[in-house]
PDB file of N, CA and C in Angstrom:
ATOM      1  N   MET A   1       3.003 -34.603  -7.033  1.00  0.00           N
ATOM      2  CA  MET A   1       3.757 -33.697  -6.204  1.00  0.00           C
ATOM      3  C   MET A   1       2.778 -32.809  -5.440  1.00  0.00           C
ATOM      4  N   VAL A   2       3.047 -32.563  -4.212  1.00  0.00           N
ATOM      5  CA  VAL A   2       2.239 -31.686  -3.384  1.00  0.00           C
ATOM      6  C   VAL A   2       2.935 -30.329  -3.300  1.00  0.00           C
ATOM      7  N   ALA A   3       2.172 -29.282  -3.562  1.00  0.00           N
ATOM      8  CA  ALA A   3       2.717 -27.924  -3.477  1.00  0.00           C
ATOM      9  C   ALA A   3       1.856 -27.133  -2.493  1.00  0.00           C
ATOM     10  N   PRO A   4       2.388 -26.851  -1.302  1.00  0.00           N
ATOM     11  CA  PRO A   4       1.613 -26.059  -0.350  1.00  0.00           C
ATOM     12  C   PRO A   4       1.410 -24.636  -0.858  1.00  0.00           C
ATOM     13  N   VAL A   5       0.199 -24.130  -0.698  1.00  0.00           N
ATOM     14  CA  VAL A   5      -0.157 -22.806  -1.190  1.00  0.00           C
ATOM     15  C   VAL A   5      -0.233 -21.840  -0.007  1.00  0.00           C
ATOM     16  N   ILE A   6       0.360 -20.675  -0.165  1.00  0.00           N
ATOM     17  CA  ILE A   6       0.322 -19.631   0.854  1.00  0.00           C
ATOM     18  C   ILE A   6      -0.383 -18.425   0.253  1.00  0.00           C
ATOM     19  N   LEU A   7      -1.399 -17.941   0.954  1.00  0.00           N
ATOM     20  CA  LEU A   7      -2.123 -16.749   0.522  1.00  0.00           C
ATOM     21  C   LEU A   7      -1.791 -15.600   1.453  1.00  0.00           C
ATOM     22  N   LEU A   8      -1.647 -14.401   0.911  1.00  0.00           N
ATOM     23  CA  LEU A   8      -1.341 -13.216   1.698  1.00  0.00           C
ATOM     24  C   LEU A   8      -2.297 -12.104   1.305  1.00  0.00           C
ATOM     25  N   SER A   9      -2.716 -11.318   2.282  1.00  0.00           N
ATOM     26  CA  SER A   9      -3.573 -10.180   1.997  1.00  0.00           C
ATOM     27  C   SER A   9      -3.381  -9.129   3.073  1.00  0.00           C
ATOM     28  N   ASP A  10      -3.507  -7.876   2.674  1.00  0.00           N
ATOM     29  CA  ASP A  10      -3.396  -6.770   3.613  1.00  0.00           C
ATOM     30  C   ASP A  10      -4.127  -5.577   3.020  1.00  0.00           C
ATOM     31  N   LYS A  11      -4.951  -4.913   3.817  1.00  0.00           N
ATOM     32  CA  LYS A  11      -5.716  -3.776   3.314  1.00  0.00           C
ATOM     33  C   LYS A  11      -4.766  -2.669   2.885  1.00  0.00           C
ATOM     34  N   THR A  12      -5.070  -2.054   1.760  1.00  0.00           N
ATOM     35  CA  THR A  12      -4.231  -0.983   1.256  1.00  0.00           C
ATOM     36  C   THR A  12      -5.106   0.135   0.697  1.00  0.00           C
ATOM     37  N   ALA A  13      -4.635   1.350   0.787  1.00  0.00           N
ATOM     38  CA  ALA A  13      -5.341   2.489   0.207  1.00  0.00           C
ATOM     39  C   ALA A  13      -5.077   2.517  -1.290  1.00  0.00           C
ATOM     40  N   LEU A  14      -6.130   2.713  -2.079  1.00  0.00           N
ATOM     41  CA  LEU A  14      -5.962   2.723  -3.530  1.00  0.00           C
ATOM     42  C   LEU A  14      -5.422   4.054  -4.039  1.00  0.00           C
ATOM     43  N   SER A  15      -5.869   5.133  -3.438  1.00  0.00           N
ATOM     44  CA  SER A  15      -5.398   6.435  -3.877  1.00  0.00           C
ATOM     45  C   SER A  15      -5.516   7.421  -2.720  1.00  0.00           C
ATOM     46  N   VAL A  16      -4.524   8.243  -2.597  1.00  0.00           N
ATOM     47  CA  VAL A  16      -4.535   9.265  -1.556  1.00  0.00           C
ATOM     48  C   VAL A  16      -5.539  10.361  -1.906  1.00  0.00           C
ATOM     49  N   PHE A  17      -5.783  10.572  -3.196  1.00  0.00           N
ATOM     50  CA  PHE A  17      -6.600  11.696  -3.644  1.00  0.00           C
ATOM     51  C   PHE A  17      -8.081  11.361  -3.816  1.00  0.00           C
ATOM     52  N   SER A  18      -8.462  10.094  -3.705  1.00  0.00           N
ATOM     53  CA  SER A  18      -9.859   9.734  -3.986  1.00  0.00           C
ATOM     54  C   SER A  18     -10.653   9.423  -2.726  1.00  0.00           C
ATOM     55  N   GLY A  19     -10.225   9.895  -1.598  1.00  0.00           N
ATOM     56  CA  GLY A  19     -10.981   9.660  -0.371  1.00  0.00           C
ATOM     57  C   GLY A  19     -10.538   8.398   0.338  1.00  0.00           C
ATOM     58  N   ASP A  20     -11.514   7.661   0.847  1.00  0.00           N
ATOM     59  CA  ASP A  20     -11.180   6.484   1.653  1.00  0.00           C
ATOM     60  C   ASP A  20     -11.354   5.179   0.886  1.00  0.00           C
ATOM     61  N   LYS A  21     -10.998   5.140  -0.379  1.00  0.00           N
ATOM     62  CA  LYS A  21     -11.108   3.928  -1.187  1.00  0.00           C
ATOM     63  C   LYS A  21     -10.004   2.953  -0.781  1.00  0.00           C
ATOM     64  N   LYS A  22     -10.421   1.740  -0.404  1.00  0.00           N
ATOM     65  CA  LYS A  22      -9.463   0.724   0.034  1.00  0.00           C
ATOM     66  C   LYS A  22      -9.755  -0.585  -0.669  1.00  0.00           C
ATOM     67  N   ALA A  23      -8.783  -1.474  -0.705  1.00  0.00           N
ATOM     68  CA  ALA A  23      -8.948  -2.809  -1.277  1.00  0.00           C
ATOM     69  C   ALA A  23      -8.055  -3.778  -0.519  1.00  0.00           C
ATOM     70  N   TRP A  24      -8.407  -5.039  -0.609  1.00  0.00           N
ATOM     71  CA  TRP A  24      -7.594  -6.105  -0.017  1.00  0.00           C
ATOM     72  C   TRP A  24      -6.989  -6.910  -1.172  1.00  0.00           C
ATOM     73  N   PRO A  25      -5.757  -6.602  -1.599  1.00  0.00           N
ATOM     74  CA  PRO A  25      -5.133  -7.436  -2.629  1.00  0.00           C
ATOM     75  C   PRO A  25      -4.791  -8.808  -2.046  1.00  0.00           C
ATOM     76  N   VAL A  26      -4.970  -9.852  -2.851  1.00  0.00           N
ATOM     77  CA  VAL A  26      -4.668 -11.217  -2.419  1.00  0.00           C
ATOM     78  C   VAL A  26      -3.522 -11.732  -3.286  1.00  0.00           C
ATOM     79  N   TYR A  27      -2.453 -12.141  -2.629  1.00  0.00           N
ATOM     80  CA  TYR A  27      -1.268 -12.670  -3.308  1.00  0.00           C
ATOM     81  C   TYR A  27      -1.150 -14.159  -3.038  1.00  0.00           C
ATOM     82  N   LEU A  28      -0.570 -14.884  -3.982  1.00  0.00           N
ATOM     83  CA  LEU A  28      -0.368 -16.315  -3.854  1.00  0.00           C
ATOM     84  C   LEU A  28       1.104 -16.648  -4.080  1.00  0.00           C
ATOM     85  N   THR A  29       1.615 -17.558  -3.281  1.00  0.00           N
ATOM     86  CA  THR A  29       2.950 -18.110  -3.476  1.00  0.00           C
ATOM     87  C   THR A  29       2.889 -19.570  -3.057  1.00  0.00           C
ATOM     88  N   ILE A  30       3.912 -20.323  -3.350  1.00  0.00           N
ATOM     89  CA  ILE A  30       3.927 -21.731  -2.941  1.00  0.00           C
ATOM     90  C   ILE A  30       4.942 -21.932  -1.823  1.00  0.00           C
ATOM     91  N   GLY A  31       4.623 -22.872  -0.952  1.00  0.00           N
ATOM     92  CA  GLY A  31       5.387 -23.059   0.271  1.00  0.00           C
ATOM     93  C   GLY A  31       6.733 -23.729   0.098  1.00  0.00           C
ATOM     94  N   ASN A  32       6.985 -24.380  -1.039  1.00  0.00           N
ATOM     95  CA  ASN A  32       8.285 -25.022  -1.177  1.00  0.00           C
ATOM     96  C   ASN A  32       9.330 -24.104  -1.820  1.00  0.00           C
ATOM     97  N   ILE A  33       9.069 -22.808  -1.819  1.00  0.00           N
ATOM     98  CA  ILE A  33      10.088 -21.809  -2.150  1.00  0.00           C
ATOM     99  C   ILE A  33      10.663 -21.351  -0.816  1.00  0.00           C
ATOM    100  N   SER A  34      11.958 -21.314  -0.706  1.00  0.00           N
ATOM    101  CA  SER A  34      12.611 -20.899   0.529  1.00  0.00           C
ATOM    102  C   SER A  34      12.130 -19.514   0.949  1.00  0.00           C
ATOM    103  N   LYS A  35      11.875 -19.347   2.242  1.00  0.00           N
ATOM    104  CA  LYS A  35      11.358 -18.043   2.689  1.00  0.00           C
ATOM    105  C   LYS A  35      12.348 -16.917   2.475  1.00  0.00           C
ATOM    106  N   ASP A  36      13.645 -17.213   2.453  1.00  0.00           N
ATOM    107  CA  ASP A  36      14.639 -16.179   2.145  1.00  0.00           C
ATOM    108  C   ASP A  36      14.458 -15.668   0.720  1.00  0.00           C
ATOM    109  N   VAL A  37      14.129 -16.582  -0.177  1.00  0.00           N
ATOM    110  CA  VAL A  37      13.894 -16.211  -1.577  1.00  0.00           C
ATOM    111  C   VAL A  37      12.521 -15.556  -1.712  1.00  0.00           C
ATOM    112  N   ARG A  38      11.516 -16.140  -1.079  1.00  0.00           N
ATOM    113  CA  ARG A  38      10.130 -15.680  -1.204  1.00  0.00           C
ATOM    114  C   ARG A  38       9.948 -14.242  -0.711  1.00  0.00           C
ATOM    115  N   ARG A  39      10.711 -13.820   0.281  1.00  0.00           N
ATOM    116  CA  ARG A  39      10.570 -12.485   0.859  1.00  0.00           C
ATOM    117  C   ARG A  39      11.169 -11.377  -0.004  1.00  0.00           C
ATOM    118  N   ARG A  40      12.058 -11.731  -0.905  1.00  0.00           N
ATOM    119  CA  ARG A  40      12.685 -10.710  -1.751  1.00  0.00           C
ATOM    120  C   ARG A  40      11.735 -10.287  -2.871  1.00  0.00           C
ATOM    121  N   VAL A  41      11.455  -9.015  -2.954  1.00  0.00           N
ATOM    122  CA  VAL A  41      10.530  -8.496  -3.957  1.00  0.00           C
ATOM    123  C   VAL A  41      11.067  -8.725  -5.364  1.00  0.00           C
ATOM    124  N   SER A  42      12.369  -8.615  -5.557  1.00  0.00           N
ATOM    125  CA  SER A  42      12.970  -8.720  -6.886  1.00  0.00           C
ATOM    126  C   SER A  42      12.848 -10.114  -7.486  1.00  0.00           C
ATOM    127  N   VAL A  43      12.550 -11.113  -6.674  1.00  0.00           N
ATOM    128  CA  VAL A  43      12.455 -12.495  -7.164  1.00  0.00           C
ATOM    129  C   VAL A  43      11.095 -12.773  -7.812  1.00  0.00           C
ATOM    130  N   HIS A  44      10.095 -11.979  -7.458  1.00  0.00           N
ATOM    131  CA  HIS A  44       8.732 -12.142  -7.976  1.00  0.00           C
ATOM    132  C   HIS A  44       8.167 -13.527  -7.661  1.00  0.00           C
ATOM    133  N   ALA A  45       8.324 -13.962  -6.418  1.00  0.00           N
ATOM    134  CA  ALA A  45       7.844 -15.277  -6.004  1.00  0.00           C
ATOM    135  C   ALA A  45       6.369 -15.261  -5.632  1.00  0.00           C
ATOM    136  N   MET A  46       5.759 -14.088  -5.588  1.00  0.00           N
ATOM    137  CA  MET A  46       4.332 -13.959  -5.291  1.00  0.00           C
ATOM    138  C   MET A  46       3.627 -13.347  -6.490  1.00  0.00           C
ATOM    139  N   ILE A  47       2.376 -13.808  -6.717  1.00  0.00           N
ATOM    140  CA  ILE A  47       1.583 -13.215  -7.792  1.00  0.00           C
ATOM    141  C   ILE A  47       0.281 -12.681  -7.211  1.00  0.00           C
ATOM    142  N   LEU A  48      -0.179 -11.602  -7.784  1.00  0.00           N
ATOM    143  CA  LEU A  48      -1.457 -11.019  -7.400  1.00  0.00           C
ATOM    144  C   LEU A  48      -2.550 -11.804  -8.101  1.00  0.00           C
ATOM    145  N   ILE A  49      -3.478 -12.387  -7.326  1.00  0.00           N
ATOM    146  CA  ILE A  49      -4.556 -13.168  -7.949  1.00  0.00           C
ATOM    147  C   ILE A  49      -5.880 -12.417  -7.959  1.00  0.00           C
ATOM    148  N   GLY A  50      -5.987 -11.333  -7.205  1.00  0.00           N
ATOM    149  CA  GLY A  50      -7.223 -10.559  -7.240  1.00  0.00           C
ATOM    150  C   GLY A  50      -7.326  -9.601  -6.067  1.00  0.00           C
ATOM    151  N   TYR A  51      -8.442  -8.888  -6.050  1.00  0.00           N
ATOM    152  CA  TYR A  51      -8.731  -7.951  -4.974  1.00  0.00           C
ATOM    153  C   TYR A  51     -10.035  -8.349  -4.300  1.00  0.00           C
ATOM    154  N   LEU A  52     -10.056  -8.266  -2.982  1.00  0.00           N
ATOM    155  CA  LEU A  52     -11.284  -8.501  -2.234  1.00  0.00           C
ATOM    156  C   LEU A  52     -11.993  -7.169  -2.035  1.00  0.00           C
ATOM    157  N   PRO A  53     -13.317  -7.175  -2.096  1.00  0.00           N
ATOM    158  CA  PRO A  53     -14.042  -5.918  -1.902  1.00  0.00           C
ATOM    159  C   PRO A  53     -13.977  -5.447  -0.457  1.00  0.00           C
ATOM    160  N   VAL A  54     -13.920  -4.149  -0.289  1.00  0.00           N
ATOM    161  CA  VAL A  54     -13.962  -3.542   1.035  1.00  0.00           C
ATOM    162  C   VAL A  54     -15.198  -2.652   1.051  1.00  0.00           C
ATOM    163  N   SER A  55     -16.083  -2.915   1.978  1.00  0.00           N
ATOM    164  CA  SER A  55     -17.313  -2.149   2.080  1.00  0.00           C
ATOM    165  C   SER A  55     -17.654  -1.945   3.542  1.00  0.00           C
ATOM    166  N   LYS A  56     -18.271  -0.830   3.834  1.00  0.00           N
ATOM    167  CA  LYS A  56     -18.703  -0.577   5.208  1.00  0.00           C
ATOM    168  C   LYS A  56     -20.008  -1.304   5.510  1.00  0.00           C
ATOM    169  N   LEU A  57     -20.658  -1.835   4.476  1.00  0.00           N
ATOM    170  CA  LEU A  57     -21.891  -2.619   4.599  1.00  0.00           C
ATOM    171  C   LEU A  57     -22.955  -1.874   5.400  1.00  0.00           C
ATOM    172  N   GLU A  58     -23.099  -0.610   5.102  1.00  0.00           N
ATOM    173  CA  GLU A  58     -24.065   0.215   5.826  1.00  0.00           C
ATOM    174  C   GLU A  58     -25.512  -0.147   5.509  1.00  0.00           C
ATOM    175  N   CYS A  59     -25.729  -0.968   4.485  1.00  0.00           N
ATOM    176  CA  CYS A  59     -27.087  -1.380   4.142  1.00  0.00           C
ATOM    177  C   CYS A  59     -27.602  -2.460   5.110  1.00  0.00           C
ATOM    178  N   PHE A  60     -26.735  -3.011   5.953  1.00  0.00           N
ATOM    179  CA  PHE A  60     -27.125  -4.020   6.942  1.00  0.00           C
ATOM    180  C   PHE A  60     -27.295  -3.364   8.315  1.00  0.00           C
ATOM    181  N   HIS A  61     -28.112  -3.988   9.134  1.00  0.00           N
ATOM    182  CA  HIS A  61     -28.252  -3.525  10.513  1.00  0.00           C
ATOM    183  C   HIS A  61     -26.940  -3.751  11.252  1.00  0.00           C
ATOM    184  N   LYS A  62     -26.716  -2.985  12.285  1.00  0.00           N
ATOM    185  CA  LYS A  62     -25.458  -3.069  13.036  1.00  0.00           C
ATOM    186  C   LYS A  62     -25.202  -4.477  13.573  1.00  0.00           C
ATOM    187  N   LYS A  63     -26.257  -5.171  13.996  1.00  0.00           N
ATOM    188  CA  LYS A  63     -26.114  -6.519  14.558  1.00  0.00           C
ATOM    189  C   LYS A  63     -25.657  -7.534  13.519  1.00  0.00           C
ATOM    190  N   THR A  64     -26.093  -7.392  12.286  1.00  0.00           N
ATOM    191  CA  THR A  64     -25.782  -8.386  11.251  1.00  0.00           C
ATOM    192  C   THR A  64     -24.638  -7.960  10.337  1.00  0.00           C
ATOM    193  N   ARG A  65     -24.085  -6.774  10.540  1.00  0.00           N
ATOM    194  CA  ARG A  65     -23.040  -6.245   9.660  1.00  0.00           C
ATOM    195  C   ARG A  65     -21.784  -7.107   9.666  1.00  0.00           C
ATOM    196  N   SER A  66     -21.339  -7.558  10.842  1.00  0.00           N
ATOM    197  CA  SER A  66     -20.112  -8.354  10.889  1.00  0.00           C
ATOM    198  C   SER A  66     -20.303  -9.717  10.228  1.00  0.00           C
ATOM    199  N   VAL A  67     -21.473 -10.326  10.405  1.00  0.00           N
ATOM    200  CA  VAL A  67     -21.753 -11.615   9.754  1.00  0.00           C
ATOM    201  C   VAL A  67     -21.780 -11.442   8.234  1.00  0.00           C
ATOM    202  N   ALA A  68     -22.382 -10.354   7.767  1.00  0.00           N
ATOM    203  CA  ALA A  68     -22.412 -10.078   6.333  1.00  0.00           C
ATOM    204  C   ALA A  68     -20.994  -9.878   5.793  1.00  0.00           C
ATOM    205  N   GLY A  69     -20.142  -9.226   6.575  1.00  0.00           N
ATOM    206  CA  GLY A  69     -18.746  -9.039   6.168  1.00  0.00           C
ATOM    207  C   GLY A  69     -18.002 -10.356   6.057  1.00  0.00           C
ATOM    208  N   TYR A  70     -18.225 -11.254   7.013  1.00  0.00           N
ATOM    209  CA  TYR A  70     -17.603 -12.587   6.952  1.00  0.00           C
ATOM    210  C   TYR A  70     -18.083 -13.348   5.731  1.00  0.00           C
ATOM    211  N   ARG A  71     -19.383 -13.289   5.460  1.00  0.00           N
ATOM    212  CA  ARG A  71     -19.933 -14.000   4.298  1.00  0.00           C
ATOM    213  C   ARG A  71     -19.389 -13.436   2.991  1.00  0.00           C
ATOM    214  N   LEU A  72     -19.280 -12.118   2.923  1.00  0.00           N
ATOM    215  CA  LEU A  72     -18.725 -11.487   1.718  1.00  0.00           C
ATOM    216  C   LEU A  72     -17.280 -11.907   1.501  1.00  0.00           C
ATOM    217  N   PHE A  73     -16.493 -11.913   2.566  1.00  0.00           N
ATOM    218  CA  PHE A  73     -15.091 -12.328   2.474  1.00  0.00           C
ATOM    219  C   PHE A  73     -14.978 -13.770   1.971  1.00  0.00           C
ATOM    220  N   HIS A  74     -15.725 -14.675   2.575  1.00  0.00           N
ATOM    221  CA  HIS A  74     -15.625 -16.082   2.196  1.00  0.00           C
ATOM    222  C   HIS A  74     -16.154 -16.344   0.782  1.00  0.00           C
ATOM    223  N   TYR A  75     -17.186 -15.625   0.399  1.00  0.00           N
ATOM    224  CA  TYR A  75     -17.693 -15.786  -0.960  1.00  0.00           C
ATOM    225  C   TYR A  75     -16.669 -15.291  -1.984  1.00  0.00           C
ATOM    226  N   ALA A  76     -16.074 -14.122  -1.733  1.00  0.00           N
ATOM    227  CA  ALA A  76     -15.064 -13.585  -2.649  1.00  0.00           C
ATOM    228  C   ALA A  76     -13.845 -14.501  -2.724  1.00  0.00           C
ATOM    229  N   MET A  77     -13.411 -15.052  -1.578  1.00  0.00           N
ATOM    230  CA  MET A  77     -12.268 -15.979  -1.589  1.00  0.00           C
ATOM    231  C   MET A  77     -12.609 -17.258  -2.344  1.00  0.00           C
ATOM    232  N   SER A  78     -13.837 -17.745  -2.215  1.00  0.00           N
ATOM    233  CA  SER A  78     -14.212 -18.960  -2.948  1.00  0.00           C
ATOM    234  C   SER A  78     -14.183 -18.726  -4.454  1.00  0.00           C
ATOM    235  N   LEU A  79     -14.584 -17.523  -4.889  1.00  0.00           N
ATOM    236  CA  LEU A  79     -14.498 -17.202  -6.316  1.00  0.00           C
ATOM    237  C   LEU A  79     -13.052 -17.108  -6.790  1.00  0.00           C
ATOM    238  N   LEU A  80     -12.205 -16.484  -5.982  1.00  0.00           N
ATOM    239  CA  LEU A  80     -10.788 -16.348  -6.355  1.00  0.00           C
ATOM    240  C   LEU A  80     -10.078 -17.696  -6.424  1.00  0.00           C
ATOM    241  N   LEU A  81     -10.410 -18.587  -5.499  1.00  0.00           N
ATOM    242  CA  LEU A  81      -9.679 -19.847  -5.375  1.00  0.00           C
ATOM    243  C   LEU A  81     -10.338 -21.015  -6.105  1.00  0.00           C
ATOM    244  N   HIS A  82     -11.454 -20.776  -6.797  1.00  0.00           N
ATOM    245  CA  HIS A  82     -12.128 -21.867  -7.491  1.00  0.00           C
ATOM    246  C   HIS A  82     -11.219 -22.616  -8.473  1.00  0.00           C
ATOM    247  N   PRO A  83     -10.433 -21.931  -9.305  1.00  0.00           N
ATOM    248  CA  PRO A  83      -9.540 -22.679 -10.205  1.00  0.00           C
ATOM    249  C   PRO A  83      -8.523 -23.539  -9.449  1.00  0.00           C
ATOM    250  N   LEU A  84      -8.066 -23.069  -8.309  1.00  0.00           N
ATOM    251  CA  LEU A  84      -7.104 -23.829  -7.515  1.00  0.00           C
ATOM    252  C   LEU A  84      -7.750 -25.069  -6.897  1.00  0.00           C
ATOM    253  N   VAL A  85      -8.977 -24.926  -6.418  1.00  0.00           N
ATOM    254  CA  VAL A  85      -9.708 -26.061  -5.842  1.00  0.00           C
ATOM    255  C   VAL A  85      -9.972 -27.101  -6.922  1.00  0.00           C
ATOM    256  N   ASP A  86     -10.362 -26.653  -8.097  1.00  0.00           N
ATOM    257  CA  ASP A  86     -10.625 -27.562  -9.207  1.00  0.00           C
ATOM    258  C   ASP A  86      -9.364 -28.333  -9.595  1.00  0.00           C
ATOM    259  N   ALA A  87      -8.231 -27.651  -9.655  1.00  0.00           N
ATOM    260  CA  ALA A  87      -6.960 -28.325  -9.983  1.00  0.00           C
ATOM    261  C   ALA A  87      -6.572 -29.306  -8.887  1.00  0.00           C
ATOM    262  N   GLY A  88      -6.866 -28.985  -7.632  1.00  0.00           N
ATOM    263  CA  GLY A  88      -6.550 -29.888  -6.531  1.00  0.00           C
ATOM    264  C   GLY A  88      -7.387 -31.156  -6.557  1.00  0.00           C
ATOM    265  N   ARG A  89      -8.608 -31.062  -7.000  1.00  0.00           N
ATOM    266  CA  ARG A  89      -9.491 -32.238  -7.045  1.00  0.00           C
ATOM    267  C   ARG A  89      -9.217 -33.114  -8.257  1.00  0.00           C
ATOM    268  N   LYS A  90      -9.008 -32.503  -9.422  1.00  0.00           N
ATOM    269  CA  LYS A  90      -8.859 -33.263 -10.662  1.00  0.00           C
ATOM    270  C   LYS A  90      -7.404 -33.473 -11.066  1.00  0.00           C
ATOM    271  N   GLY A  91      -6.498 -32.697 -10.473  1.00  0.00           N
ATOM    272  CA  GLY A  91      -5.104 -32.760 -10.894  1.00  0.00           C
ATOM    273  C   GLY A  91      -4.876 -31.851 -12.084  1.00  0.00           C
ATOM    274  N   ARG A  92      -3.637 -31.644 -12.389  1.00  0.00           N
ATOM    275  CA  ARG A  92      -3.277 -30.756 -13.495  1.00  0.00           C
ATOM    276  C   ARG A  92      -1.982 -31.264 -14.118  1.00  0.00           C
ATOM    277  N   ALA A  93      -1.982 -31.476 -15.422  1.00  0.00           N
ATOM    278  CA  ALA A  93      -0.778 -31.912 -16.120  1.00  0.00           C
ATOM    279  C   ALA A  93       0.200 -30.744 -16.211  1.00  0.00           C
ATOM    280  N   MET A  94       1.448 -30.997 -15.838  1.00  0.00           N
ATOM    281  CA  MET A  94       2.475 -29.956 -15.847  1.00  0.00           C
ATOM    282  C   MET A  94       3.676 -30.443 -16.662  1.00  0.00           C
ATOM    283  N   VAL A  95       4.335 -29.520 -17.315  1.00  0.00           N
ATOM    284  CA  VAL A  95       5.551 -29.845 -18.056  1.00  0.00           C
ATOM    285  C   VAL A  95       6.728 -29.737 -17.097  1.00  0.00           C
ATOM    286  N   CYS A  96       7.504 -30.813 -17.022  1.00  0.00           N
ATOM    287  CA  CYS A  96       8.671 -30.853 -16.142  1.00  0.00           C
ATOM    288  C   CYS A  96       9.855 -30.163 -16.829  1.00  0.00           C
ATOM    289  N   THR A  97      10.907 -29.930 -16.101  1.00  0.00           N
ATOM    290  CA  THR A  97      12.088 -29.264 -16.676  1.00  0.00           C
ATOM    291  C   THR A  97      12.755 -30.095 -17.752  1.00  0.00           C
ATOM    292  N   ASP A  98      12.560 -31.424 -17.727  1.00  0.00           N
ATOM    293  CA  ASP A  98      13.156 -32.275 -18.768  1.00  0.00           C
ATOM    294  C   ASP A  98      12.253 -32.422 -19.980  1.00  0.00           C
ATOM    295  N   GLY A  99      11.104 -31.725 -19.987  1.00  0.00           N
ATOM    296  CA  GLY A  99      10.230 -31.721 -21.148  1.00  0.00           C
ATOM    297  C   GLY A  99       9.093 -32.720 -21.094  1.00  0.00           C
ATOM    298  N   PHE A 100       9.113 -33.657 -20.169  1.00  0.00           N
ATOM    299  CA  PHE A 100       8.023 -34.627 -20.048  1.00  0.00           C
ATOM    300  C   PHE A 100       6.838 -34.032 -19.316  1.00  0.00           C
ATOM    301  N   VAL A 101       5.642 -34.527 -19.636  1.00  0.00           N
ATOM    302  CA  VAL A 101       4.426 -34.060 -18.966  1.00  0.00           C
ATOM    303  C   VAL A 101       4.110 -34.981 -17.807  1.00  0.00           C
TER     304      VAL A 101
END
């Protein structure tokens, strides 16, 4: 069975009282859930799989800062999605609703 994966992320402030601390939460859902169902918060059709780091990357020169940001984003996403990539390559045994694997 093929299950399309949808990832969602949006920058959010972690605390109003701690300054400018921000994070990018990454949520996962599957595409064969109806979007009417998936959009309802009460259904819990999305799960939080992790947070991406947010940094101003001031340790880099201005010219290379954006490239460093892209590399950081892609590296963090590769770490978050490694279990999913592994399951996609090797497959994963799942229990069906009738009890068979």
